[in-house]
Amino acid sequence: MRIRLALVGFGLTLLPFHPERGGRLGYSALAVAGVVLAVGLLRFRAHRCQLASCQVATE
């Protein structure tokens, strides 16, 4: 969670600066934060399914 927040903050900080270098770097940081968020969501869903299958097996 902290990495995503840091990447979003870094990206938003760089957006208003030099449009060519800072803007591109800022948008890249926001894109990386989105990818990290999506991967985290997929891992969470997979782990939740595994936990649900273990609960059903023990009942």
PDB file of N, CA and C in Angstrom:
ATOM      1  N   MET A   1       0.826  -1.195   0.000  1.00  0.00           N
ATOM      2  CA  MET A   1       0.000   0.000   0.000  1.00  0.00           C
ATOM      3  C   MET A   1       0.870   1.258   0.000  1.00  0.00           C
ATOM      4  N   ARG A   2       1.947   1.225   0.779  1.00  0.00           N
ATOM      5  CA  ARG A   2       2.792   2.409   0.859  1.00  0.00           C
ATOM      6  C   ARG A   2       3.485   2.694  -0.464  1.00  0.00           C
ATOM      7  N   ILE A   3       3.856   1.621  -1.182  1.00  0.00           N
ATOM      8  CA  ILE A   3       4.533   1.813  -2.468  1.00  0.00           C
ATOM      9  C   ILE A   3       3.584   2.488  -3.453  1.00  0.00           C
ATOM     10  N   ARG A   4       2.331   2.045  -3.478  1.00  0.00           N
ATOM     11  CA  ARG A   4       1.358   2.661  -4.395  1.00  0.00           C
ATOM     12  C   ARG A   4       1.163   4.129  -4.078  1.00  0.00           C
ATOM     13  N   LEU A   5       1.020   4.432  -2.797  1.00  0.00           N
ATOM     14  CA  LEU A   5       0.818   5.837  -2.412  1.00  0.00           C
ATOM     15  C   LEU A   5       2.038   6.682  -2.757  1.00  0.00           C
ATOM     16  N   ALA A   6       3.223   6.124  -2.559  1.00  0.00           N
ATOM     17  CA  ALA A   6       4.444   6.863  -2.893  1.00  0.00           C
ATOM     18  C   ALA A   6       4.528   7.107  -4.396  1.00  0.00           C
ATOM     19  N   LEU A   7       4.196   6.099  -5.201  1.00  0.00           N
ATOM     20  CA  LEU A   7       4.251   6.268  -6.653  1.00  0.00           C
ATOM     21  C   LEU A   7       3.217   7.285  -7.133  1.00  0.00           C
ATOM     22  N   VAL A   8       2.028   7.240  -6.568  1.00  0.00           N
ATOM     23  CA  VAL A   8       0.996   8.212  -6.958  1.00  0.00           C
ATOM     24  C   VAL A   8       1.422   9.623  -6.560  1.00  0.00           C
ATOM     25  N   GLY A   9       1.933   9.775  -5.364  1.00  0.00           N
ATOM     26  CA  GLY A   9       2.400  11.087  -4.915  1.00  0.00           C
ATOM     27  C   GLY A   9       3.551  11.600  -5.767  1.00  0.00           C
ATOM     28  N   PHE A  10       4.484  10.714  -6.090  1.00  0.00           N
ATOM     29  CA  PHE A  10       5.616  11.085  -6.936  1.00  0.00           C
ATOM     30  C   PHE A  10       5.139  11.507  -8.318  1.00  0.00           C
ATOM     31  N   GLY A  11       4.208  10.740  -8.875  1.00  0.00           N
ATOM     32  CA  GLY A  11       3.685  11.061 -10.199  1.00  0.00           C
ATOM     33  C   GLY A  11       2.935  12.374 -10.219  1.00  0.00           C
ATOM     34  N   LEU A  12       2.096  12.595  -9.221  1.00  0.00           N
ATOM     35  CA  LEU A  12       1.327  13.841  -9.180  1.00  0.00           C
ATOM     36  C   LEU A  12       2.214  15.054  -8.924  1.00  0.00           C
ATOM     37  N   THR A  13       3.309  14.841  -8.200  1.00  0.00           N
ATOM     38  CA  THR A  13       4.236  15.951  -7.952  1.00  0.00           C
ATOM     39  C   THR A  13       4.964  16.362  -9.225  1.00  0.00           C
ATOM     40  N   LEU A  14       5.302  15.378 -10.064  1.00  0.00           N
ATOM     41  CA  LEU A  14       6.073  15.682 -11.265  1.00  0.00           C
ATOM     42  C   LEU A  14       5.240  16.226 -12.416  1.00  0.00           C
ATOM     43  N   LEU A  15       3.942  16.008 -12.414  1.00  0.00           N
ATOM     44  CA  LEU A  15       3.118  16.420 -13.553  1.00  0.00           C
ATOM     45  C   LEU A  15       3.196  17.911 -13.877  1.00  0.00           C
ATOM     46  N   PRO A  16       3.156  18.820 -12.901  1.00  0.00           N
ATOM     47  CA  PRO A  16       3.161  20.238 -13.271  1.00  0.00           C
ATOM     48  C   PRO A  16       4.510  20.774 -13.746  1.00  0.00           C
ATOM     49  N   PHE A  17       5.592  20.007 -13.566  1.00  0.00           N
ATOM     50  CA  PHE A  17       6.916  20.502 -13.936  1.00  0.00           C
ATOM     51  C   PHE A  17       7.133  20.401 -15.434  1.00  0.00           C
ATOM     52  N   HIS A  18       8.343  20.417 -15.833  1.00  0.00           N
ATOM     53  CA  HIS A  18       8.723  20.422 -17.246  1.00  0.00           C
ATOM     54  C   HIS A  18       7.891  19.417 -18.029  1.00  0.00           C
ATOM     55  N   PRO A  19       7.148  19.858 -19.026  1.00  0.00           N
ATOM     56  CA  PRO A  19       6.163  18.980 -19.667  1.00  0.00           C
ATOM     57  C   PRO A  19       6.765  17.765 -20.372  1.00  0.00           C
ATOM     58  N   GLU A  20       7.982  17.905 -20.882  1.00  0.00           N
ATOM     59  CA  GLU A  20       8.526  16.772 -21.631  1.00  0.00           C
ATOM     60  C   GLU A  20       9.097  15.713 -20.705  1.00  0.00           C
ATOM     61  N   ARG A  21       9.988  16.092 -19.833  1.00  0.00           N
ATOM     62  CA  ARG A  21      10.646  15.111 -18.979  1.00  0.00           C
ATOM     63  C   ARG A  21       9.831  14.815 -17.720  1.00  0.00           C
ATOM     64  N   GLY A  22       9.468  15.849 -16.989  1.00  0.00           N
ATOM     65  CA  GLY A  22       8.741  15.653 -15.727  1.00  0.00           C
ATOM     66  C   GLY A  22       7.359  15.074 -15.945  1.00  0.00           C
ATOM     67  N   GLY A  23       6.676  15.549 -16.985  1.00  0.00           N
ATOM     68  CA  GLY A  23       5.335  15.041 -17.265  1.00  0.00           C
ATOM     69  C   GLY A  23       5.352  13.573 -17.640  1.00  0.00           C
ATOM     70  N   ARG A  24       6.302  13.203 -18.488  1.00  0.00           N
ATOM     71  CA  ARG A  24       6.409  11.806 -18.906  1.00  0.00           C
ATOM     72  C   ARG A  24       6.754  10.917 -17.710  1.00  0.00           C
ATOM     73  N   LEU A  25       7.668  11.381 -16.880  1.00  0.00           N
ATOM     74  CA  LEU A  25       8.041  10.617 -15.696  1.00  0.00           C
ATOM     75  C   LEU A  25       6.871  10.531 -14.722  1.00  0.00           C
ATOM     76  N   GLY A  26       6.125  11.627 -14.590  1.00  0.00           N
ATOM     77  CA  GLY A  26       4.961  11.627 -13.696  1.00  0.00           C
ATOM     78  C   GLY A  26       3.889  10.665 -14.170  1.00  0.00           C
ATOM     79  N   TYR A  27       3.602  10.685 -15.483  1.00  0.00           N
ATOM     80  CA  TYR A  27       2.614   9.758 -16.022  1.00  0.00           C
ATOM     81  C   TYR A  27       3.100   8.315 -15.914  1.00  0.00           C
ATOM     82  N   SER A  28       4.400   8.109 -16.069  1.00  0.00           N
ATOM     83  CA  SER A  28       4.952   6.759 -15.917  1.00  0.00           C
ATOM     84  C   SER A  28       4.785   6.270 -14.485  1.00  0.00           C
ATOM     85  N   ALA A  29       5.035   7.148 -13.525  1.00  0.00           N
ATOM     86  CA  ALA A  29       4.872   6.759 -12.124  1.00  0.00           C
ATOM     87  C   ALA A  29       3.411   6.432 -11.820  1.00  0.00           C
ATOM     88  N   LEU A  30       2.483   7.202 -12.397  1.00  0.00           N
ATOM     89  CA  LEU A  30       1.067   6.902 -12.192  1.00  0.00           C
ATOM     90  C   LEU A  30       0.684   5.579 -12.849  1.00  0.00           C
ATOM     91  N   ALA A  31       1.249   5.305 -14.023  1.00  0.00           N
ATOM     92  CA  ALA A  31       0.963   4.037 -14.695  1.00  0.00           C
ATOM     93  C   ALA A  31       1.508   2.861 -13.894  1.00  0.00           C
ATOM     94  N   VAL A  32       2.705   3.004 -13.354  1.00  0.00           N
ATOM     95  CA  VAL A  32       3.285   1.935 -12.529  1.00  0.00           C
ATOM     96  C   VAL A  32       2.441   1.726 -11.278  1.00  0.00           C
ATOM     97  N   ALA A  33       1.959   2.803 -10.681  1.00  0.00           N
ATOM     98  CA  ALA A  33       1.096   2.668  -9.504  1.00  0.00           C
ATOM     99  C   ALA A  33      -0.184   1.926  -9.869  1.00  0.00           C
ATOM    100  N   GLY A  34      -0.743   2.192 -11.051  1.00  0.00           N
ATOM    101  CA  GLY A  34      -1.935   1.469 -11.495  1.00  0.00           C
ATOM    102  C   GLY A  34      -1.665  -0.002 -11.700  1.00  0.00           C
ATOM    103  N   VAL A  35      -0.509  -0.330 -12.270  1.00  0.00           N
ATOM    104  CA  VAL A  35      -0.149  -1.738 -12.479  1.00  0.00           C
ATOM    105  C   VAL A  35       0.045  -2.438 -11.135  1.00  0.00           C
ATOM    106  N   VAL A  36       0.727  -1.779 -10.209  1.00  0.00           N
ATOM    107  CA  VAL A  36       0.931  -2.368  -8.879  1.00  0.00           C
ATOM    108  C   VAL A  36      -0.411  -2.577  -8.180  1.00  0.00           C
ATOM    109  N   LEU A  37      -1.312  -1.631  -8.329  1.00  0.00           N
ATOM    110  CA  LEU A  37      -2.648  -1.763  -7.744  1.00  0.00           C
ATOM    111  C   LEU A  37      -3.405  -2.931  -8.361  1.00  0.00           C
ATOM    112  N   ALA A  38      -3.335  -3.079  -9.689  1.00  0.00           N
ATOM    113  CA  ALA A  38      -4.035  -4.176 -10.368  1.00  0.00           C
ATOM    114  C   ALA A  38      -3.460  -5.532  -9.958  1.00  0.00           C
ATOM    115  N   VAL A  39      -2.148  -5.639  -9.874  1.00  0.00           N
ATOM    116  CA  VAL A  39      -1.521  -6.896  -9.464  1.00  0.00           C
ATOM    117  C   VAL A  39      -1.896  -7.223  -8.019  1.00  0.00           C
ATOM    118  N   GLY A  40      -1.903  -6.225  -7.163  1.00  0.00           N
ATOM    119  CA  GLY A  40      -2.302  -6.448  -5.778  1.00  0.00           C
ATOM    120  C   GLY A  40      -3.741  -6.915  -5.663  1.00  0.00           C
ATOM    121  N   LEU A  41      -4.618  -6.336  -6.478  1.00  0.00           N
ATOM    122  CA  LEU A  41      -6.024  -6.743  -6.465  1.00  0.00           C
ATOM    123  C   LEU A  41      -6.178  -8.186  -6.936  1.00  0.00           C
ATOM    124  N   LEU A  42      -5.455  -8.548  -7.993  1.00  0.00           N
ATOM    125  CA  LEU A  42      -5.515  -9.927  -8.484  1.00  0.00           C
ATOM    126  C   LEU A  42      -4.974 -10.915  -7.454  1.00  0.00           C
ATOM    127  N   ARG A  43      -3.888 -10.560  -6.792  1.00  0.00           N
ATOM    128  CA  ARG A  43      -3.333 -11.435  -5.755  1.00  0.00           C
ATOM    129  C   ARG A  43      -4.307 -11.565  -4.582  1.00  0.00           C
ATOM    130  N   PHE A  44      -4.957 -10.462  -4.208  1.00  0.00           N
ATOM    131  CA  PHE A  44      -5.925 -10.500  -3.118  1.00  0.00           C
ATOM    132  C   PHE A  44      -7.088 -11.424  -3.462  1.00  0.00           C
ATOM    133  N   ARG A  45      -7.605 -11.312  -4.686  1.00  0.00           N
ATOM    134  CA  ARG A  45      -8.734 -12.168  -5.093  1.00  0.00           C
ATOM    135  C   ARG A  45      -8.337 -13.635  -5.119  1.00  0.00           C
ATOM    136  N   ALA A  46      -7.138 -13.933  -5.623  1.00  0.00           N
ATOM    137  CA  ALA A  46      -6.677 -15.320  -5.663  1.00  0.00           C
ATOM    138  C   ALA A  46      -6.523 -15.866  -4.249  1.00  0.00           C
ATOM    139  N   HIS A  47      -5.969 -15.066  -3.356  1.00  0.00           N
ATOM    140  CA  HIS A  47      -5.789 -15.507  -1.969  1.00  0.00           C
ATOM    141  C   HIS A  47      -7.139 -15.698  -1.290  1.00  0.00           C
ATOM    142  N   ARG A  48      -8.088 -14.830  -1.578  1.00  0.00           N
ATOM    143  CA  ARG A  48      -9.426 -14.958  -0.993  1.00  0.00           C
ATOM    144  C   ARG A  48     -10.096 -16.249  -1.461  1.00  0.00           C
ATOM    145  N   CYS A  49      -9.936 -16.588  -2.743  1.00  0.00           N
ATOM    146  CA  CYS A  49     -10.501 -17.846  -3.254  1.00  0.00           C
ATOM    147  C   CYS A  49      -9.841 -19.052  -2.595  1.00  0.00           C
ATOM    148  N   GLN A  50      -8.547 -18.993  -2.387  1.00  0.00           N
ATOM    149  CA  GLN A  50      -7.846 -20.086  -1.721  1.00  0.00           C
ATOM    150  C   GLN A  50      -8.339 -20.242  -0.288  1.00  0.00           C
ATOM    151  N   LEU A  51      -8.522 -19.138   0.402  1.00  0.00           N
ATOM    152  CA  LEU A  51      -9.021 -19.214   1.781  1.00  0.00           C
ATOM    153  C   LEU A  51     -10.434 -19.775   1.817  1.00  0.00           C
ATOM    154  N   ALA A  52     -11.272 -19.380   0.877  1.00  0.00           N
ATOM    155  CA  ALA A  52     -12.645 -19.882   0.835  1.00  0.00           C
ATOM    156  C   ALA A  52     -12.663 -21.377   0.553  1.00  0.00           C
ATOM    157  N   SER A  53     -11.790 -21.852  -0.320  1.00  0.00           N
ATOM    158  CA  SER A  53     -11.758 -23.291  -0.603  1.00  0.00           C
ATOM    159  C   SER A  53     -11.233 -24.069   0.595  1.00  0.00           C
ATOM    160  N   CYS A  54     -10.315 -23.520   1.344  1.00  0.00           N
ATOM    161  CA  CYS A  54      -9.816 -24.182   2.558  1.00  0.00           C
ATOM    162  C   CYS A  54     -10.902 -24.234   3.627  1.00  0.00           C
ATOM    163  N   GLN A  55     -11.695 -23.175   3.736  1.00  0.00           N
ATOM    164  CA  GLN A  55     -12.772 -23.152   4.718  1.00  0.00           C
ATOM    165  C   GLN A  55     -13.816 -24.194   4.389  1.00  0.00           C
ATOM    166  N   VAL A  56     -14.154 -24.344   3.121  1.00  0.00           N
ATOM    167  CA  VAL A  56     -15.147 -25.325   2.704  1.00  0.00           C
ATOM    168  C   VAL A  56     -14.618 -26.731   2.953  1.00  0.00           C
ATOM    169  N   ALA A  57     -13.332 -26.947   2.730  1.00  0.00           N
ATOM    170  CA  ALA A  57     -12.737 -28.270   2.919  1.00  0.00           C
ATOM    171  C   ALA A  57     -12.707 -28.660   4.393  1.00  0.00           C
ATOM    172  N   THR A  58     -12.545 -27.713   5.298  1.00  0.00           N
ATOM    173  CA  THR A  58     -12.466 -28.039   6.722  1.00  0.00           C
ATOM    174  C   THR A  58     -13.835 -28.193   7.355  1.00  0.00           C
ATOM    175  N   GLU A  59     -14.871 -27.703   6.718  1.00  0.00           N
ATOM    176  CA  GLU A  59     -16.211 -27.801   7.307  1.00  0.00           C
ATOM    177  C   GLU A  59     -16.796 -29.112   7.066  1.00  0.00           C
TER     178      GLU A  59
END
